[in-house]
């Protein structure tokens, strides 16, 4: 049997690096959250911004610690900034605060932070710190710009379409009574969010598209068709297309045969036939053979 016997006092140092392990676990945790499909785009943007701010603070922290550690390894030379600031015998929180302030001043290229570098080591440390801060500033600016552009893409697309419509009406010199109706139609259709609903639904599988349409138009189909056979209703659901009309629009003009059937989900429409007027509301239908 093999055994070990300690014959004299022995000191063992075991390096587990718990902080590094926790840091990498935290990084993988954040990466997993950002890759998750359960988070909204807005929540992902906020999480990425928080992660970016945390990364900036971490780099500043490492820079501050490295600057102080460099002077500590050199046994605090008389011309070092630690000695000149009188930090050798100060508590650790005072040393850290001064080192962090110096690191931030360097990385933000504000000033030297305290004392002008006296030695070659301090000079090179400052060069590295300023260079790192400049690169970090450019990366953070690009990151914030990217986050701002992708924070709400549908709303930005809506604003782009609205601006495009403004340019169009000015270019075509459309009459004043027509312009408000065009903008009102856009507001009623998209309510500040621009998306291609037909393209989105066409990208889904047929069973999934059917479930989505049942959720969106299920109440309307029950009001119109009641207890009709589910297969019949499902076929109609897959054939439905969304359309929106503004007040005053003529949906079907006199003498024109409707090629499709219209189901009213929200709103009302005035039906006029042979001098007889009738108002249709939610759950009614018109057009096609059923009418």
Protein backbone atom coordinates (compact mmCIF):
# COMPACT_ATOMS: atom_id res chain seq x y z
CA UNK A 1 0.00 0.00 0.00
CA UNK A 2 1.35 3.38 -0.97
CA UNK A 3 1.00 6.21 1.50
CA UNK A 4 2.53 9.62 2.11
CA UNK A 5 3.76 10.75 5.51
CA UNK A 6 4.54 14.35 6.36
CA UNK A 7 7.84 14.51 8.29
CA UNK A 8 8.02 18.28 8.75
CA UNK A 9 5.77 21.30 8.66
CA UNK A 10 4.51 21.84 5.17
CA UNK A 11 2.65 24.78 3.68
CA UNK A 12 0.58 24.05 0.63
CA UNK A 13 -0.82 26.76 -1.61
CA UNK A 14 -3.67 25.62 -3.79
CA UNK A 15 -4.64 27.97 -6.59
CA UNK A 16 -8.25 27.45 -7.61
CA UNK A 17 -8.81 30.86 -9.26
CA UNK A 18 -12.45 31.10 -8.16
CA UNK A 19 -12.85 34.67 -9.44
CA UNK A 20 -11.77 33.74 -12.96
CA UNK A 21 -14.07 30.70 -12.96
CA UNK A 22 -17.01 32.77 -11.77
CA UNK A 23 -16.25 35.44 -14.34
CA UNK A 24 -16.20 32.96 -17.23
CA UNK A 25 -19.36 31.31 -15.94
CA UNK A 26 -21.04 34.72 -15.80
CA UNK A 27 -19.90 35.42 -19.37
CA UNK A 28 -21.32 32.13 -20.64
CA UNK A 29 -24.53 32.80 -18.70
CA UNK A 30 -24.96 36.21 -20.36
CA UNK A 31 -24.11 34.73 -23.77
CA UNK A 32 -26.77 32.08 -23.21
CA UNK A 33 -29.34 34.73 -22.36
CA UNK A 34 -28.48 36.78 -25.43
CA UNK A 35 -28.79 33.67 -27.62
CA UNK A 36 -32.14 32.73 -26.10
CA UNK A 37 -35.19 33.10 -28.32
CA UNK A 38 -37.44 33.73 -25.32
CA UNK A 39 -36.20 37.29 -24.78
CA UNK A 40 -37.68 40.20 -26.68
CA UNK A 41 -35.49 42.40 -28.86
CA UNK A 42 -35.82 45.28 -26.41
CA UNK A 43 -34.80 43.10 -23.47
CA UNK A 44 -31.81 41.76 -25.41
CA UNK A 45 -30.70 45.31 -26.20
CA UNK A 46 -30.91 46.32 -22.54
CA UNK A 47 -29.04 43.18 -21.52
CA UNK A 48 -26.31 43.79 -24.10
CA UNK A 49 -25.96 47.40 -22.92
CA UNK A 50 -25.65 46.24 -19.30
CA UNK A 51 -23.09 43.65 -20.34
CA UNK A 52 -21.12 46.31 -22.25
CA UNK A 53 -21.08 48.65 -19.24
CA UNK A 54 -19.95 45.79 -17.02
CA UNK A 55 -17.16 44.98 -19.50
CA UNK A 56 -15.97 48.61 -19.50
CA UNK A 57 -15.85 48.66 -15.71
CA UNK A 58 -13.99 45.35 -15.67
CA UNK A 59 -11.31 46.60 -18.07
CA UNK A 60 -10.88 49.79 -16.02
CA UNK A 61 -10.60 47.65 -12.88
CA UNK A 62 -7.91 45.46 -14.42
CA UNK A 63 -6.04 48.52 -15.65
CA UNK A 64 -6.12 50.11 -12.19
CA UNK A 65 -4.97 46.91 -10.49
CA UNK A 66 -2.18 46.41 -13.02
CA UNK A 67 -0.89 49.95 -12.58
CA UNK A 68 -0.73 49.55 -8.81
CA UNK A 69 0.70 46.02 -9.05
CA UNK A 70 3.49 47.27 -11.32
CA UNK A 71 4.64 49.74 -8.67
CA UNK A 72 4.28 47.11 -5.97
CA UNK A 73 6.52 44.68 -7.86
CA UNK A 74 9.13 47.44 -8.14
CA UNK A 75 8.90 47.97 -4.35
CA UNK A 76 7.37 51.45 -4.73
CA UNK A 77 10.20 53.57 -6.20
CA UNK A 78 10.54 57.07 -4.69
CA UNK A 79 9.45 58.72 -7.95
CA UNK A 80 6.45 56.44 -8.54
CA UNK A 81 2.93 57.86 -8.44
CA UNK A 82 2.02 55.61 -5.50
CA UNK A 83 4.83 57.04 -3.38
CA UNK A 84 4.27 60.63 -4.49
CA UNK A 85 0.57 60.34 -3.66
CA UNK A 86 1.38 58.90 -0.23
CA UNK A 87 -0.58 55.70 -0.84
CA UNK A 88 1.96 53.14 0.37
CA UNK A 89 0.62 53.00 3.93
CA UNK A 90 -2.99 53.94 3.08
CA UNK A 91 -5.89 51.47 3.41
CA UNK A 92 -6.66 49.31 0.42
CA UNK A 93 -9.91 51.12 -0.39
CA UNK A 94 -8.02 54.43 -0.69
CA UNK A 95 -5.39 52.81 -2.90
CA UNK A 96 -8.06 51.25 -5.11
CA UNK A 97 -10.04 54.49 -5.43
CA UNK A 98 -6.96 56.46 -6.49
CA UNK A 99 -5.84 53.73 -8.91
CA UNK A 100 -9.32 53.52 -10.45
CA UNK A 101 -9.47 57.31 -10.83
CA UNK A 102 -6.06 57.29 -12.50
CA UNK A 103 -7.13 54.45 -14.80
CA UNK A 104 -10.32 56.25 -15.87
CA UNK A 105 -8.43 59.49 -16.54
CA UNK A 106 -5.97 57.64 -18.76
CA UNK A 107 -8.53 55.60 -20.66
CA UNK A 108 -10.78 58.59 -21.25
CA UNK A 109 -7.73 60.70 -22.22
CA UNK A 110 -8.68 63.43 -19.75
CA UNK A 111 -5.35 63.94 -18.00
CA UNK A 112 -2.62 62.03 -16.16
CA UNK A 113 -4.92 61.34 -13.23
CA UNK A 114 -2.42 62.52 -10.62
CA UNK A 115 1.32 62.70 -11.14
CA UNK A 116 3.09 62.95 -14.48
CA UNK A 117 4.82 59.61 -15.20
CA UNK A 118 8.42 59.72 -14.04
CA UNK A 119 9.85 56.36 -15.03
CA UNK A 120 9.93 54.33 -18.22
CA UNK A 121 7.61 51.69 -16.77
CA UNK A 122 4.97 54.28 -15.86
CA UNK A 123 5.33 55.91 -19.26
CA UNK A 124 4.73 52.64 -21.10
CA UNK A 125 1.87 51.81 -18.77
CA UNK A 126 0.24 55.12 -19.60
CA UNK A 127 0.74 54.57 -23.35
CA UNK A 128 -0.95 51.17 -23.11
CA UNK A 129 -3.74 52.60 -20.95
CA UNK A 130 -4.47 55.51 -23.29
CA UNK A 131 -4.37 53.27 -26.37
CA UNK A 132 -6.70 50.75 -24.74
CA UNK A 133 -9.09 53.51 -23.72
CA UNK A 134 -9.18 54.99 -27.22
CA UNK A 135 -9.91 51.64 -28.84
CA UNK A 136 -12.48 50.86 -26.16
CA UNK A 137 -14.20 54.21 -26.73
CA UNK A 138 -14.53 53.50 -30.45
CA UNK A 139 -15.87 49.99 -29.81
CA UNK A 140 -18.38 51.20 -27.23
CA UNK A 141 -19.59 53.97 -29.54
CA UNK A 142 -20.09 51.45 -32.35
CA UNK A 143 -21.85 49.06 -29.96
CA UNK A 144 -24.24 51.71 -28.67
CA UNK A 145 -25.01 52.81 -32.23
CA UNK A 146 -25.74 49.21 -33.22
CA UNK A 147 -27.95 48.68 -30.16
CA UNK A 148 -29.89 51.86 -30.89
CA UNK A 149 -30.50 50.77 -34.48
CA UNK A 150 -31.70 47.28 -33.54
CA UNK A 151 -33.55 48.09 -30.32
CA UNK A 152 -36.91 48.35 -32.12
CA UNK A 153 -36.53 47.44 -35.80
CA UNK A 154 -40.25 47.34 -36.57
CA UNK A 155 -40.77 50.85 -35.19
CA UNK A 156 -37.76 52.16 -37.12
CA UNK A 157 -39.07 50.50 -40.28
CA UNK A 158 -42.44 52.18 -39.68
CA UNK A 159 -40.77 55.58 -39.31
CA UNK A 160 -38.81 54.97 -42.52
CA UNK A 161 -42.02 54.09 -44.40
CA UNK A 162 -43.75 57.14 -42.97
CA UNK A 163 -40.87 59.38 -44.08
CA UNK A 164 -40.97 57.73 -47.49
CA UNK A 165 -44.69 58.50 -47.72
CA UNK A 166 -44.04 62.14 -46.81
CA UNK A 167 -41.49 62.43 -49.60
CA UNK A 168 -43.91 60.76 -52.01
CA UNK A 169 -46.87 63.08 -51.33
CA UNK A 170 -44.63 66.14 -51.67
CA UNK A 171 -43.14 64.87 -54.91
CA UNK A 172 -46.54 64.08 -56.44
CA UNK A 173 -48.17 67.31 -55.15
CA UNK A 174 -51.19 65.42 -53.85
CA UNK A 175 -54.21 67.47 -52.70
CA UNK A 176 -54.53 68.39 -49.04
CA UNK A 177 -57.73 66.42 -48.45
CA UNK A 178 -56.06 63.19 -49.60
CA UNK A 179 -52.84 63.34 -47.56
CA UNK A 180 -54.42 62.94 -44.07
CA UNK A 181 -56.35 59.90 -45.27
CA UNK A 182 -53.15 58.26 -46.48
CA UNK A 183 -51.37 58.78 -43.17
CA UNK A 184 -54.44 57.72 -41.21
CA UNK A 185 -54.60 54.53 -43.25
CA UNK A 186 -50.98 53.75 -42.37
CA UNK A 187 -51.62 54.38 -38.67
CA UNK A 188 -54.72 52.16 -38.64
CA UNK A 189 -52.98 49.34 -40.48
CA UNK A 190 -49.69 49.17 -38.60
CA UNK A 191 -50.14 51.23 -35.38
CA UNK A 192 -46.53 52.34 -35.28
CA UNK A 193 -45.05 48.90 -36.11
CA UNK A 194 -44.13 47.95 -39.67
CA UNK A 195 -44.02 44.29 -40.66
CA UNK A 196 -44.91 42.18 -43.68
CA UNK A 197 -47.62 39.95 -42.23
CA UNK A 198 -48.14 37.91 -45.39
CA UNK A 199 -44.42 37.20 -45.74
CA UNK A 200 -44.20 36.20 -42.07
CA UNK A 201 -47.11 33.79 -42.34
CA UNK A 202 -45.85 32.32 -45.62
CA UNK A 203 -42.55 31.43 -43.92
CA UNK A 204 -44.38 29.26 -41.37
CA UNK A 205 -45.35 25.65 -41.85
CA UNK A 206 -49.01 25.04 -42.65
CA UNK A 207 -49.93 23.59 -39.21
CA UNK A 208 -48.18 26.46 -37.42
CA UNK A 209 -49.76 29.03 -39.74
CA UNK A 210 -53.16 27.49 -39.01
CA UNK A 211 -52.64 27.83 -35.25
CA UNK A 212 -51.62 31.46 -35.66
CA UNK A 213 -54.67 32.22 -37.81
CA UNK A 214 -56.93 30.44 -35.31
CA UNK A 215 -55.60 32.70 -32.59
CA UNK A 216 -55.97 35.87 -34.68
CA UNK A 217 -59.25 35.18 -36.50
CA UNK A 218 -60.84 32.40 -34.45
CA UNK A 219 -63.49 34.64 -32.86
CA UNK A 220 -64.40 36.15 -36.23
CA UNK A 221 -64.83 32.74 -37.85
CA UNK A 222 -67.06 31.56 -35.00
CA UNK A 223 -69.25 34.66 -35.33
CA UNK A 224 -69.62 34.20 -39.08
CA UNK A 225 -69.78 30.43 -39.52
CA UNK A 226 -70.91 29.27 -36.10
CA UNK A 227 -70.60 25.49 -35.72
CA UNK A 228 -69.58 24.65 -39.28
CA UNK A 229 -67.26 21.69 -39.82
CA UNK A 230 -63.72 22.43 -38.50
CA UNK A 231 -62.07 21.27 -41.73
CA UNK A 232 -64.10 23.79 -43.71
CA UNK A 233 -63.27 26.58 -41.28
CA UNK A 234 -59.57 25.66 -41.29
CA UNK A 235 -59.41 25.83 -45.08
CA UNK A 236 -60.94 29.29 -44.97
CA UNK A 237 -58.48 30.39 -42.28
CA UNK A 238 -55.54 29.46 -44.49
CA UNK A 239 -57.06 31.46 -47.38
CA UNK A 240 -57.78 34.63 -45.39
CA UNK A 241 -55.90 37.82 -46.25
CA UNK A 242 -55.82 40.96 -44.13
CA UNK A 243 -57.06 44.25 -45.59
CA UNK A 244 -57.80 47.59 -43.98
CA UNK A 245 -60.01 50.39 -45.25
CA UNK A 246 -60.33 54.00 -44.16
CA UNK A 247 -63.50 56.00 -43.55
CA UNK A 248 -64.95 57.02 -46.90
CA UNK A 249 -63.29 54.26 -48.95
CA UNK A 250 -65.51 52.53 -51.52
CA UNK A 251 -64.78 48.82 -51.19
CA UNK A 252 -66.97 47.59 -54.07
CA UNK A 253 -68.24 50.06 -56.64
CA UNK A 254 -71.66 49.75 -58.30
CA UNK A 255 -71.70 47.38 -61.24
CA UNK A 256 -68.55 45.55 -60.12
CA UNK A 257 -68.88 41.89 -59.17
CA UNK A 258 -66.92 41.06 -56.03
CA UNK A 259 -64.36 38.34 -56.64
CA UNK A 260 -64.01 37.48 -52.97
CA UNK A 261 -65.90 37.42 -49.71
CA UNK A 262 -65.21 40.08 -47.07
CA UNK A 263 -65.49 39.25 -43.36
CA UNK A 264 -65.71 42.25 -41.02
CA UNK A 265 -63.50 41.86 -37.97
CA UNK A 266 -63.65 45.42 -36.62
CA UNK A 267 -65.54 48.43 -37.83
CA UNK A 268 -68.65 48.99 -39.90
CA UNK A 269 -69.54 49.44 -43.57
CA UNK A 270 -72.56 50.91 -45.34
CA UNK A 271 -74.10 48.58 -47.93
CA UNK A 272 -76.30 50.21 -50.57
CA UNK A 273 -78.22 48.14 -53.11
CA UNK A 274 -81.22 49.17 -55.20
CA UNK A 275 -81.77 52.26 -53.06
CA UNK A 276 -81.76 50.25 -49.83
CA UNK A 277 -79.07 51.03 -47.26
CA UNK A 278 -77.91 48.63 -44.60
CA UNK A 279 -75.05 48.87 -42.12
CA UNK A 280 -72.85 45.83 -41.54
CA UNK A 281 -70.82 45.51 -38.33
CA UNK A 282 -68.38 43.11 -36.65
CA UNK A 283 -69.06 39.49 -37.60
CA UNK A 284 -71.00 40.31 -40.79
CA UNK A 285 -69.85 39.56 -44.32
CA UNK A 286 -70.46 40.81 -47.86
CA UNK A 287 -69.30 40.23 -51.42
CA UNK A 288 -69.08 37.05 -53.45
CA UNK A 289 -71.81 34.47 -53.85
CA UNK A 290 -72.88 34.44 -50.14
CA UNK A 291 -74.06 38.06 -50.50
